């Protein structure tokens, strides 16, 4: 459930952002996500940027994409 404590950061994501993050968790590239969701590459980049911001994963954070996927999967990275 998205409202539970473990999933709280994910509750901030829009349904489309959750779709993008789910496809990231499947190991898809940005181009693969764009093709699957019928988005332009730039749209995927925009969604990913928003996901990273909402999850508190700033550009200086190493392995941001991996940490975002771990959050999606419910694994604690620390």
PDB file of N, CA and C in Angstrom:
ATOM      1  N   UNK A   1       0.844  -1.186   0.000  1.00  0.00           N
ATOM      2  CA  UNK A   1       0.000   0.000   0.000  1.00  0.00           C
ATOM      3  C   UNK A   1       0.884   1.242   0.000  1.00  0.00           C
ATOM      4  N   UNK A   2       0.596   2.178  -0.865  1.00  0.00           N
ATOM      5  CA  UNK A   2       1.449   3.351  -1.008  1.00  0.00           C
ATOM      6  C   UNK A   2       1.437   4.276   0.189  1.00  0.00           C
ATOM      7  N   UNK A   3       0.446   4.205   1.020  1.00  0.00           N
ATOM      8  CA  UNK A   3       0.383   5.101   2.155  1.00  0.00           C
ATOM      9  C   UNK A   3       1.131   4.598   3.374  1.00  0.00           C
ATOM     10  N   UNK A   4       1.633   3.370   3.358  1.00  0.00           N
ATOM     11  CA  UNK A   4       2.316   2.815   4.517  1.00  0.00           C
ATOM     12  C   UNK A   4       3.645   3.524   4.735  1.00  0.00           C
ATOM     13  N   UNK A   5       4.208   3.398   5.933  1.00  0.00           N
ATOM     14  CA  UNK A   5       5.446   4.078   6.276  1.00  0.00           C
ATOM     15  C   UNK A   5       6.596   3.727   5.358  1.00  0.00           C
ATOM     16  N   UNK A   6       6.732   2.434   5.018  1.00  0.00           N
ATOM     17  CA  UNK A   6       7.836   2.012   4.163  1.00  0.00           C
ATOM     18  C   UNK A   6       7.739   2.642   2.787  1.00  0.00           C
ATOM     19  N   UNK A   7       6.540   2.839   2.290  1.00  0.00           N
ATOM     20  CA  UNK A   7       6.327   3.338   0.941  1.00  0.00           C
ATOM     21  C   UNK A   7       6.113   4.850   0.884  1.00  0.00           C
ATOM     22  N   UNK A   8       6.254   5.546   1.995  1.00  0.00           N
ATOM     23  CA  UNK A   8       5.945   6.971   2.037  1.00  0.00           C
ATOM     24  C   UNK A   8       6.617   7.779   0.933  1.00  0.00           C
ATOM     25  N   UNK A   9       7.922   7.587   0.653  1.00  0.00           N
ATOM     26  CA  UNK A   9       8.516   8.368  -0.443  1.00  0.00           C
ATOM     27  C   UNK A   9       7.831   8.078  -1.783  1.00  0.00           C
ATOM     28  N   UNK A  10       7.401   6.860  -1.987  1.00  0.00           N
ATOM     29  CA  UNK A  10       6.737   6.512  -3.246  1.00  0.00           C
ATOM     30  C   UNK A  10       5.359   7.143  -3.354  1.00  0.00           C
ATOM     31  N   UNK A  11       4.742   7.447  -2.230  1.00  0.00           N
ATOM     32  CA  UNK A  11       3.411   8.056  -2.241  1.00  0.00           C
ATOM     33  C   UNK A  11       3.437   9.447  -2.874  1.00  0.00           C
ATOM     34  N   UNK A  12       4.612  10.071  -2.906  1.00  0.00           N
ATOM     35  CA  UNK A  12       4.747  11.400  -3.508  1.00  0.00           C
ATOM     36  C   UNK A  12       4.751  11.347  -5.039  1.00  0.00           C
ATOM     37  N   UNK A  13       4.980  10.165  -5.596  1.00  0.00           N
ATOM     38  CA  UNK A  13       5.086  10.036  -7.051  1.00  0.00           C
ATOM     39  C   UNK A  13       3.709  10.000  -7.706  1.00  0.00           C
ATOM     40  N   UNK A  14       3.627  10.585  -8.891  1.00  0.00           N
ATOM     41  CA  UNK A  14       2.397  10.504  -9.677  1.00  0.00           C
ATOM     42  C   UNK A  14       2.277   9.085 -10.244  1.00  0.00           C
ATOM     43  N   UNK A  15       1.098   8.701 -10.692  1.00  0.00           N
ATOM     44  CA  UNK A  15       0.970   7.377 -11.320  1.00  0.00           C
ATOM     45  C   UNK A  15       1.933   7.188 -12.488  1.00  0.00           C
ATOM     46  N   UNK A  16       2.140   8.194 -13.301  1.00  0.00           N
ATOM     47  CA  UNK A  16       3.056   8.081 -14.446  1.00  0.00           C
ATOM     48  C   UNK A  16       4.496   7.926 -13.986  1.00  0.00           C
ATOM     49  N   UNK A  17       4.865   8.667 -12.922  1.00  0.00           N
ATOM     50  CA  UNK A  17       6.213   8.518 -12.383  1.00  0.00           C
ATOM     51  C   UNK A  17       6.414   7.106 -11.835  1.00  0.00           C
ATOM     52  N   UNK A  18       5.389   6.549 -11.210  1.00  0.00           N
ATOM     53  CA  UNK A  18       5.486   5.169 -10.725  1.00  0.00           C
ATOM     54  C   UNK A  18       5.630   4.198 -11.890  1.00  0.00           C
ATOM     55  N   UNK A  19       4.936   4.460 -12.998  1.00  0.00           N
ATOM     56  CA  UNK A  19       5.093   3.622 -14.200  1.00  0.00           C
ATOM     57  C   UNK A  19       6.538   3.655 -14.685  1.00  0.00           C
ATOM     58  N   UNK A  20       7.111   4.847 -14.734  1.00  0.00           N
ATOM     59  CA  UNK A  20       8.497   5.008 -15.192  1.00  0.00           C
ATOM     60  C   UNK A  20       9.447   4.278 -14.242  1.00  0.00           C
ATOM     61  N   UNK A  21       9.256   4.446 -12.940  1.00  0.00           N
ATOM     62  CA  UNK A  21      10.126   3.803 -11.965  1.00  0.00           C
ATOM     63  C   UNK A  21      10.000   2.280 -12.037  1.00  0.00           C
ATOM     64  N   UNK A  22       8.823   1.788 -12.256  1.00  0.00           N
ATOM     65  CA  UNK A  22       8.630   0.342 -12.403  1.00  0.00           C
ATOM     66  C   UNK A  22       9.416  -0.196 -13.600  1.00  0.00           C
ATOM     67  N   UNK A  23       9.381   0.533 -14.703  1.00  0.00           N
ATOM     68  CA  UNK A  23      10.132   0.116 -15.889  1.00  0.00           C
ATOM     69  C   UNK A  23      11.634   0.238 -15.658  1.00  0.00           C
ATOM     70  N   UNK A  24      12.048   1.236 -14.882  1.00  0.00           N
ATOM     71  CA  UNK A  24      13.454   1.335 -14.499  1.00  0.00           C
ATOM     72  C   UNK A  24      13.852   0.089 -13.707  1.00  0.00           C
ATOM     73  N   UNK A  25      12.971  -0.350 -12.812  1.00  0.00           N
ATOM     74  CA  UNK A  25      13.248  -1.530 -11.990  1.00  0.00           C
ATOM     75  C   UNK A  25      13.345  -2.802 -12.830  1.00  0.00           C
ATOM     76  N   UNK A  26      12.698  -2.803 -13.982  1.00  0.00           N
ATOM     77  CA  UNK A  26      12.807  -3.927 -14.909  1.00  0.00           C
ATOM     78  C   UNK A  26      14.122  -3.891 -15.688  1.00  0.00           C
ATOM     79  N   UNK A  27      14.893  -2.811 -15.507  1.00  0.00           N
ATOM     80  CA  UNK A  27      16.182  -2.689 -16.172  1.00  0.00           C
ATOM     81  C   UNK A  27      16.120  -2.004 -17.527  1.00  0.00           C
ATOM     82  N   UNK A  28      15.003  -1.370 -17.828  1.00  0.00           N
ATOM     83  CA  UNK A  28      14.870  -0.690 -19.120  1.00  0.00           C
ATOM     84  C   UNK A  28      15.667   0.612 -19.146  1.00  0.00           C
ATOM     85  N   UNK A  29      16.200   0.926 -20.290  1.00  0.00           N
ATOM     86  CA  UNK A  29      16.884   2.194 -20.511  1.00  0.00           C
ATOM     87  C   UNK A  29      15.840   3.296 -20.678  1.00  0.00           C
ATOM     88  N   UNK A  30      16.295   4.542 -20.696  1.00  0.00           N
ATOM     89  CA  UNK A  30      15.367   5.648 -20.953  1.00  0.00           C
ATOM     90  C   UNK A  30      14.674   5.467 -22.296  1.00  0.00           C
ATOM     91  N   UNK A  31      15.431   5.052 -23.317  1.00  0.00           N
ATOM     92  CA  UNK A  31      14.833   4.836 -24.642  1.00  0.00           C
ATOM     93  C   UNK A  31      13.806   3.705 -24.592  1.00  0.00           C
ATOM     94  N   UNK A  32      14.100   2.665 -23.823  1.00  0.00           N
ATOM     95  CA  UNK A  32      13.156   1.560 -23.675  1.00  0.00           C
ATOM     96  C   UNK A  32      11.890   1.972 -22.956  1.00  0.00           C
ATOM     97  N   UNK A  33      12.043   2.815 -21.958  1.00  0.00           N
ATOM     98  CA  UNK A  33      10.876   3.336 -21.228  1.00  0.00           C
ATOM     99  C   UNK A  33      10.039   4.207 -22.158  1.00  0.00           C
ATOM    100  N   UNK A  34      10.705   5.059 -22.915  1.00  0.00           N
ATOM    101  CA  UNK A  34      10.000   5.943 -23.853  1.00  0.00           C
ATOM    102  C   UNK A  34       9.204   5.126 -24.865  1.00  0.00           C
ATOM    103  N   UNK A  35       9.816   4.094 -25.404  1.00  0.00           N
ATOM    104  CA  UNK A  35       9.121   3.258 -26.394  1.00  0.00           C
ATOM    105  C   UNK A  35       7.930   2.541 -25.767  1.00  0.00           C
ATOM    106  N   UNK A  36       8.097   2.031 -24.562  1.00  0.00           N
ATOM    107  CA  UNK A  36       7.033   1.279 -23.889  1.00  0.00           C
ATOM    108  C   UNK A  36       5.834   2.161 -23.550  1.00  0.00           C
ATOM    109  N   UNK A  37       6.116   3.399 -23.124  1.00  0.00           N
ATOM    110  CA  UNK A  37       5.043   4.305 -22.693  1.00  0.00           C
ATOM    111  C   UNK A  37       4.619   5.291 -23.785  1.00  0.00           C
ATOM    112  N   UNK A  38       5.228   5.158 -24.960  1.00  0.00           N
ATOM    113  CA  UNK A  38       4.930   6.068 -26.079  1.00  0.00           C
ATOM    114  C   UNK A  38       5.204   7.519 -25.710  1.00  0.00           C
ATOM    115  N   UNK A  39       6.334   7.731 -25.041  1.00  0.00           N
ATOM    116  CA  UNK A  39       6.793   9.058 -24.645  1.00  0.00           C
ATOM    117  C   UNK A  39       7.964   9.458 -25.523  1.00  0.00           C
ATOM    118  N   UNK A  40       8.215  10.753 -25.578  1.00  0.00           N
ATOM    119  CA  UNK A  40       9.473  11.252 -26.146  1.00  0.00           C
ATOM    120  C   UNK A  40      10.570  11.006 -25.115  1.00  0.00           C
ATOM    121  N   UNK A  41      11.806  10.876 -25.575  1.00  0.00           N
ATOM    122  CA  UNK A  41      12.925  10.666 -24.657  1.00  0.00           C
ATOM    123  C   UNK A  41      12.980  11.764 -23.598  1.00  0.00           C
ATOM    124  N   UNK A  42      12.756  12.989 -24.025  1.00  0.00           N
ATOM    125  CA  UNK A  42      12.797  14.131 -23.100  1.00  0.00           C
ATOM    126  C   UNK A  42      11.733  14.004 -22.010  1.00  0.00           C
ATOM    127  N   UNK A  43      10.581  13.460 -22.322  1.00  0.00           N
ATOM    128  CA  UNK A  43       9.520  13.269 -21.334  1.00  0.00           C
ATOM    129  C   UNK A  43       9.970  12.275 -20.267  1.00  0.00           C
ATOM    130  N   UNK A  44      10.619  11.203 -20.693  1.00  0.00           N
ATOM    131  CA  UNK A  44      11.142  10.218 -19.740  1.00  0.00           C
ATOM    132  C   UNK A  44      12.180  10.882 -18.840  1.00  0.00           C
ATOM    133  N   UNK A  45      13.080  11.649 -19.429  1.00  0.00           N
ATOM    134  CA  UNK A  45      14.096  12.346 -18.644  1.00  0.00           C
ATOM    135  C   UNK A  45      13.457  13.271 -17.609  1.00  0.00           C
ATOM    136  N   UNK A  46      12.396  13.934 -17.994  1.00  0.00           N
ATOM    137  CA  UNK A  46      11.686  14.834 -17.088  1.00  0.00           C
ATOM    138  C   UNK A  46      11.057  14.063 -15.929  1.00  0.00           C
ATOM    139  N   UNK A  47      10.422  12.934 -16.254  1.00  0.00           N
ATOM    140  CA  UNK A  47       9.821  12.103 -15.196  1.00  0.00           C
ATOM    141  C   UNK A  47      10.899  11.576 -14.250  1.00  0.00           C
ATOM    142  N   UNK A  48      12.015  11.113 -14.787  1.00  0.00           N
ATOM    143  CA  UNK A  48      13.090  10.584 -13.952  1.00  0.00           C
ATOM    144  C   UNK A  48      13.663  11.683 -13.058  1.00  0.00           C
ATOM    145  N   UNK A  49      13.830  12.865 -13.584  1.00  0.00           N
ATOM    146  CA  UNK A  49      14.313  13.985 -12.785  1.00  0.00           C
ATOM    147  C   UNK A  49      13.362  14.268 -11.619  1.00  0.00           C
ATOM    148  N   UNK A  50      12.079  14.252 -11.902  1.00  0.00           N
ATOM    149  CA  UNK A  50      11.078  14.484 -10.865  1.00  0.00           C
ATOM    150  C   UNK A  50      11.083  13.366  -9.824  1.00  0.00           C
ATOM    151  N   UNK A  51      11.234  12.130 -10.272  1.00  0.00           N
ATOM    152  CA  UNK A  51      11.317  10.981  -9.358  1.00  0.00           C
ATOM    153  C   UNK A  51      12.496  11.164  -8.410  1.00  0.00           C
ATOM    154  N   UNK A  52      13.643  11.491  -8.973  1.00  0.00           N
ATOM    155  CA  UNK A  52      14.852  11.653  -8.164  1.00  0.00           C
ATOM    156  C   UNK A  52      14.673  12.755  -7.127  1.00  0.00           C
ATOM    157  N   UNK A  53      14.075  13.853  -7.536  1.00  0.00           N
ATOM    158  CA  UNK A  53      13.832  14.959  -6.609  1.00  0.00           C
ATOM    159  C   UNK A  53      12.897  14.526  -5.490  1.00  0.00           C
ATOM    160  N   UNK A  54      11.796  13.882  -5.839  1.00  0.00           N
ATOM    161  CA  UNK A  54      10.812  13.468  -4.837  1.00  0.00           C
ATOM    162  C   UNK A  54      11.356  12.399  -3.894  1.00  0.00           C
ATOM    163  N   UNK A  55      12.311  11.594  -4.354  1.00  0.00           N
ATOM    164  CA  UNK A  55      12.921  10.581  -3.494  1.00  0.00           C
ATOM    165  C   UNK A  55      14.142  11.107  -2.746  1.00  0.00           C
ATOM    166  N   UNK A  56      14.481  12.378  -2.975  1.00  0.00           N
ATOM    167  CA  UNK A  56      15.604  12.997  -2.282  1.00  0.00           C
ATOM    168  C   UNK A  56      16.957  12.536  -2.785  1.00  0.00           C
ATOM    169  N   UNK A  57      17.006  12.112  -4.047  1.00  0.00           N
ATOM    170  CA  UNK A  57      18.248  11.629  -4.652  1.00  0.00           C
ATOM    171  C   UNK A  57      18.774  12.705  -5.595  1.00  0.00           C
ATOM    172  N   UNK A  58      19.630  13.557  -5.051  1.00  0.00           N
ATOM    173  CA  UNK A  58      20.142  14.692  -5.796  1.00  0.00           C
ATOM    174  C   UNK A  58      21.239  14.267  -6.773  1.00  0.00           C
ATOM    175  N   UNK A  59      21.582  15.129  -7.699  1.00  0.00           N
ATOM    176  CA  UNK A  59      22.563  14.806  -8.735  1.00  0.00           C
ATOM    177  C   UNK A  59      23.892  14.362  -8.167  1.00  0.00           C
ATOM    178  N   UNK A  60      24.250  14.836  -7.005  1.00  0.00           N
ATOM    179  CA  UNK A  60      25.534  14.463  -6.411  1.00  0.00           C
ATOM    180  C   UNK A  60      25.493  13.071  -5.769  1.00  0.00           C
ATOM    181  N   UNK A  61      24.310  12.495  -5.646  1.00  0.00           N
ATOM    182  CA  UNK A  61      24.161  11.170  -5.045  1.00  0.00           C
ATOM    183  C   UNK A  61      24.660  10.106  -6.016  1.00  0.00           C
ATOM    184  N   UNK A  62      25.580   9.276  -5.546  1.00  0.00           N
ATOM    185  CA  UNK A  62      26.088   8.191  -6.391  1.00  0.00           C
ATOM    186  C   UNK A  62      24.999   7.141  -6.578  1.00  0.00           C
ATOM    187  N   UNK A  63      24.980   6.543  -7.748  1.00  0.00           N
ATOM    188  CA  UNK A  63      24.061   5.440  -8.052  1.00  0.00           C
ATOM    189  C   UNK A  63      22.591   5.802  -7.823  1.00  0.00           C
ATOM    190  N   UNK A  64      22.218   7.013  -8.205  1.00  0.00           N
ATOM    191  CA  UNK A  64      20.839   7.476  -7.990  1.00  0.00           C
ATOM    192  C   UNK A  64      19.808   6.534  -8.576  1.00  0.00           C
ATOM    193  N   UNK A  65      20.060   6.076  -9.785  1.00  0.00           N
ATOM    194  CA  UNK A  65      19.100   5.215 -10.459  1.00  0.00           C
ATOM    195  C   UNK A  65      18.920   3.902  -9.693  1.00  0.00           C
ATOM    196  N   UNK A  66      20.022   3.350  -9.214  1.00  0.00           N
ATOM    197  CA  UNK A  66      19.961   2.115  -8.434  1.00  0.00           C
ATOM    198  C   UNK A  66      19.213   2.361  -7.126  1.00  0.00           C
ATOM    199  N   UNK A  67      19.496   3.444  -6.449  1.00  0.00           N
ATOM    200  CA  UNK A  67      18.822   3.754  -5.189  1.00  0.00           C
ATOM    201  C   UNK A  67      17.326   3.975  -5.389  1.00  0.00           C
ATOM    202  N   UNK A  68      16.957   4.599  -6.490  1.00  0.00           N
ATOM    203  CA  UNK A  68      15.531   4.784  -6.792  1.00  0.00           C
ATOM    204  C   UNK A  68      14.853   3.435  -6.993  1.00  0.00           C
ATOM    205  N   UNK A  69      15.503   2.537  -7.714  1.00  0.00           N
ATOM    206  CA  UNK A  69      14.941   1.205  -7.947  1.00  0.00           C
ATOM    207  C   UNK A  69      14.846   0.438  -6.635  1.00  0.00           C
ATOM    208  N   UNK A  70      15.863   0.538  -5.783  1.00  0.00           N
ATOM    209  CA  UNK A  70      15.804  -0.132  -4.483  1.00  0.00           C
ATOM    210  C   UNK A  70      14.640   0.390  -3.649  1.00  0.00           C
ATOM    211  N   UNK A  71      14.391   1.688  -3.712  1.00  0.00           N
ATOM    212  CA  UNK A  71      13.237   2.255  -3.019  1.00  0.00           C
ATOM    213  C   UNK A  71      11.960   1.639  -3.555  1.00  0.00           C
ATOM    214  N   UNK A  72      11.863   1.536  -4.875  1.00  0.00           N
ATOM    215  CA  UNK A  72      10.682   0.933  -5.511  1.00  0.00           C
ATOM    216  C   UNK A  72      10.493  -0.511  -5.033  1.00  0.00           C
ATOM    217  N   UNK A  73      11.601  -1.232  -4.929  1.00  0.00           N
ATOM    218  CA  UNK A  73      11.540  -2.643  -4.542  1.00  0.00           C
ATOM    219  C   UNK A  73      11.374  -2.829  -3.033  1.00  0.00           C
ATOM    220  N   UNK A  74      11.513  -1.736  -2.280  1.00  0.00           N
ATOM    221  CA  UNK A  74      11.322  -1.809  -0.841  1.00  0.00           C
ATOM    222  C   UNK A  74      12.546  -2.304  -0.093  1.00  0.00           C
ATOM    223  N   UNK A  75      13.719  -2.219  -0.712  1.00  0.00           N
ATOM    224  CA  UNK A  75      14.949  -2.645  -0.074  1.00  0.00           C
ATOM    225  C   UNK A  75      15.615  -1.436   0.565  1.00  0.00           C
ATOM    226  N   UNK A  76      16.085  -1.604   1.765  1.00  0.00           N
ATOM    227  CA  UNK A  76      16.792  -0.498   2.430  1.00  0.00           C
ATOM    228  C   UNK A  76      18.250  -0.549   2.041  1.00  0.00           C
ATOM    229  N   UNK A  77      18.746   0.570   1.519  1.00  0.00           N
ATOM    230  CA  UNK A  77      20.103   0.618   0.968  1.00  0.00           C
ATOM    231  C   UNK A  77      21.168   0.907   2.030  1.00  0.00           C
ATOM    232  N   UNK A  78      20.791   1.229   3.221  1.00  0.00           N
ATOM    233  CA  UNK A  78      21.807   1.615   4.208  1.00  0.00           C
ATOM    234  C   UNK A  78      22.165   0.534   5.150  1.00  0.00           C
TER     235      UNK A  78
END
